[in-house]
Amino acid sequence: MKKMQSDKIIKKYKEMFRALEEYDKTRELSFQRKRIDITLAVSTIRKLKELSKRTGKPISRIIEDKI
């Protein structure tokens, strides 16, 4: 493969190559998700449920977006 072609491919798929490089280092993909347990106040959970109903997003996505 010519250098010009390989440079074009690397430029086009830059994010994928970065993700694979990170996977080689950590053995985790940056877009993977893991389940965790957290403790929240009842009022916070109520607000998150209401927001989830209004937006149609799962609670986990709402929390991810805010962080």
C-alpha atoms as a PDB file:
ATOM      1  CA  MET A   1       0.000   0.000   0.000  1.00  0.00           C
ATOM      2  CA  LYS A   2       1.329   3.392  -0.841  1.00  0.00           C
ATOM      3  CA  LYS A   3       2.138   5.826   1.944  1.00  0.00           C
ATOM      4  CA  MET A   4      -0.412   8.288   0.590  1.00  0.00           C
ATOM      5  CA  GLN A   5      -3.180   5.687   0.773  1.00  0.00           C
ATOM      6  CA  SER A   6      -2.267   4.650   4.310  1.00  0.00           C
ATOM      7  CA  ASP A   7      -2.161   8.293   5.442  1.00  0.00           C
ATOM      8  CA  LYS A   8      -5.612   8.807   3.944  1.00  0.00           C
ATOM      9  CA  ILE A   9      -7.002   5.774   5.793  1.00  0.00           C
ATOM     10  CA  ILE A  10      -5.410   6.817   9.086  1.00  0.00           C
ATOM     11  CA  LYS A  11      -6.817  10.325   8.734  1.00  0.00           C
ATOM     12  CA  LYS A  12     -10.302   9.041   7.874  1.00  0.00           C
ATOM     13  CA  TYR A  13     -10.454   6.582  10.791  1.00  0.00           C
ATOM     14  CA  LYS A  14      -8.385   8.555  13.312  1.00  0.00           C
ATOM     15  CA  GLU A  15     -10.817   8.042  16.210  1.00  0.00           C
ATOM     16  CA  MET A  16     -10.990   4.289  15.634  1.00  0.00           C
ATOM     17  CA  PHE A  17      -7.210   4.004  15.651  1.00  0.00           C
ATOM     18  CA  ARG A  18      -7.082   6.000  18.890  1.00  0.00           C
ATOM     19  CA  ALA A  19      -9.663   3.693  20.469  1.00  0.00           C
ATOM     20  CA  LEU A  20      -7.672   0.620  19.422  1.00  0.00           C
ATOM     21  CA  GLU A  21      -4.465   2.147  20.770  1.00  0.00           C
ATOM     22  CA  GLU A  22      -6.193   2.844  24.086  1.00  0.00           C
ATOM     23  CA  TYR A  23      -7.513  -0.730  24.121  1.00  0.00           C
ATOM     24  CA  ASP A  24      -3.978  -2.052  23.691  1.00  0.00           C
ATOM     25  CA  LYS A  25      -2.922  -0.099  26.782  1.00  0.00           C
ATOM     26  CA  THR A  26      -5.928  -0.642  29.070  1.00  0.00           C
ATOM     27  CA  ARG A  27      -7.804  -3.639  27.624  1.00  0.00           C
ATOM     28  CA  GLU A  28     -10.966  -1.514  27.774  1.00  0.00           C
ATOM     29  CA  LEU A  29     -12.711   0.284  24.940  1.00  0.00           C
ATOM     30  CA  SER A  30     -13.574   3.910  25.621  1.00  0.00           C
ATOM     31  CA  PHE A  31     -17.156   3.388  24.495  1.00  0.00           C
ATOM     32  CA  GLN A  32     -17.770   0.342  26.667  1.00  0.00           C
ATOM     33  CA  ARG A  33     -20.143   0.696  29.569  1.00  0.00           C
ATOM     34  CA  LYS A  34     -19.944  -0.807  33.043  1.00  0.00           C
ATOM     35  CA  ARG A  35     -22.583  -1.141  35.703  1.00  0.00           C
ATOM     36  CA  ILE A  36     -21.931   0.486  39.086  1.00  0.00           C
ATOM     37  CA  ASP A  37     -23.941   0.849  42.259  1.00  0.00           C
ATOM     38  CA  ILE A  38     -24.472   4.337  43.648  1.00  0.00           C
ATOM     39  CA  THR A  39     -26.554   5.688  46.499  1.00  0.00           C
ATOM     40  CA  LEU A  40     -28.729   8.723  45.807  1.00  0.00           C
ATOM     41  CA  ALA A  41     -31.273  10.635  47.847  1.00  0.00           C
ATOM     42  CA  VAL A  42     -34.893   9.720  47.171  1.00  0.00           C
ATOM     43  CA  SER A  43     -35.592  13.256  45.962  1.00  0.00           C
ATOM     44  CA  THR A  44     -32.730  13.028  43.455  1.00  0.00           C
ATOM     45  CA  ILE A  45     -34.029   9.726  42.115  1.00  0.00           C
ATOM     46  CA  ARG A  46     -37.509  11.223  41.773  1.00  0.00           C
ATOM     47  CA  LYS A  47     -36.121  14.194  39.808  1.00  0.00           C
ATOM     48  CA  LEU A  48     -34.101  11.871  37.575  1.00  0.00           C
ATOM     49  CA  LYS A  49     -37.172   9.733  36.846  1.00  0.00           C
ATOM     50  CA  GLU A  50     -39.210  12.839  35.950  1.00  0.00           C
ATOM     51  CA  LEU A  51     -36.437  14.110  33.692  1.00  0.00           C
ATOM     52  CA  SER A  52     -36.186  10.682  32.098  1.00  0.00           C
ATOM     53  CA  LYS A  53     -39.902  10.679  31.300  1.00  0.00           C
ATOM     54  CA  ARG A  54     -39.752  14.179  29.801  1.00  0.00           C
ATOM     55  CA  THR A  55     -36.677  13.593  27.660  1.00  0.00           C
ATOM     56  CA  GLY A  56     -37.111   9.915  26.874  1.00  0.00           C
ATOM     57  CA  LYS A  57     -33.511   9.258  27.891  1.00  0.00           C
ATOM     58  CA  PRO A  58     -32.503   6.551  30.354  1.00  0.00           C
ATOM     59  CA  ILE A  59     -31.349   7.817  33.738  1.00  0.00           C
ATOM     60  CA  SER A  60     -27.821   6.524  33.125  1.00  0.00           C
ATOM     61  CA  ARG A  61     -27.524   8.644  29.953  1.00  0.00           C
ATOM     62  CA  ILE A  62     -28.741  11.730  31.813  1.00  0.00           C
ATOM     63  CA  ILE A  63     -26.065  11.229  34.461  1.00  0.00           C
ATOM     64  CA  GLU A  64     -23.375  10.620  31.806  1.00  0.00           C
ATOM     65  CA  ASP A  65     -24.326  13.796  29.958  1.00  0.00           C
ATOM     66  CA  LYS A  66     -24.069  15.858  33.145  1.00  0.00           C
ATOM     67  CA  ILE A  67     -20.655  14.481  34.015  1.00  0.00           C
END
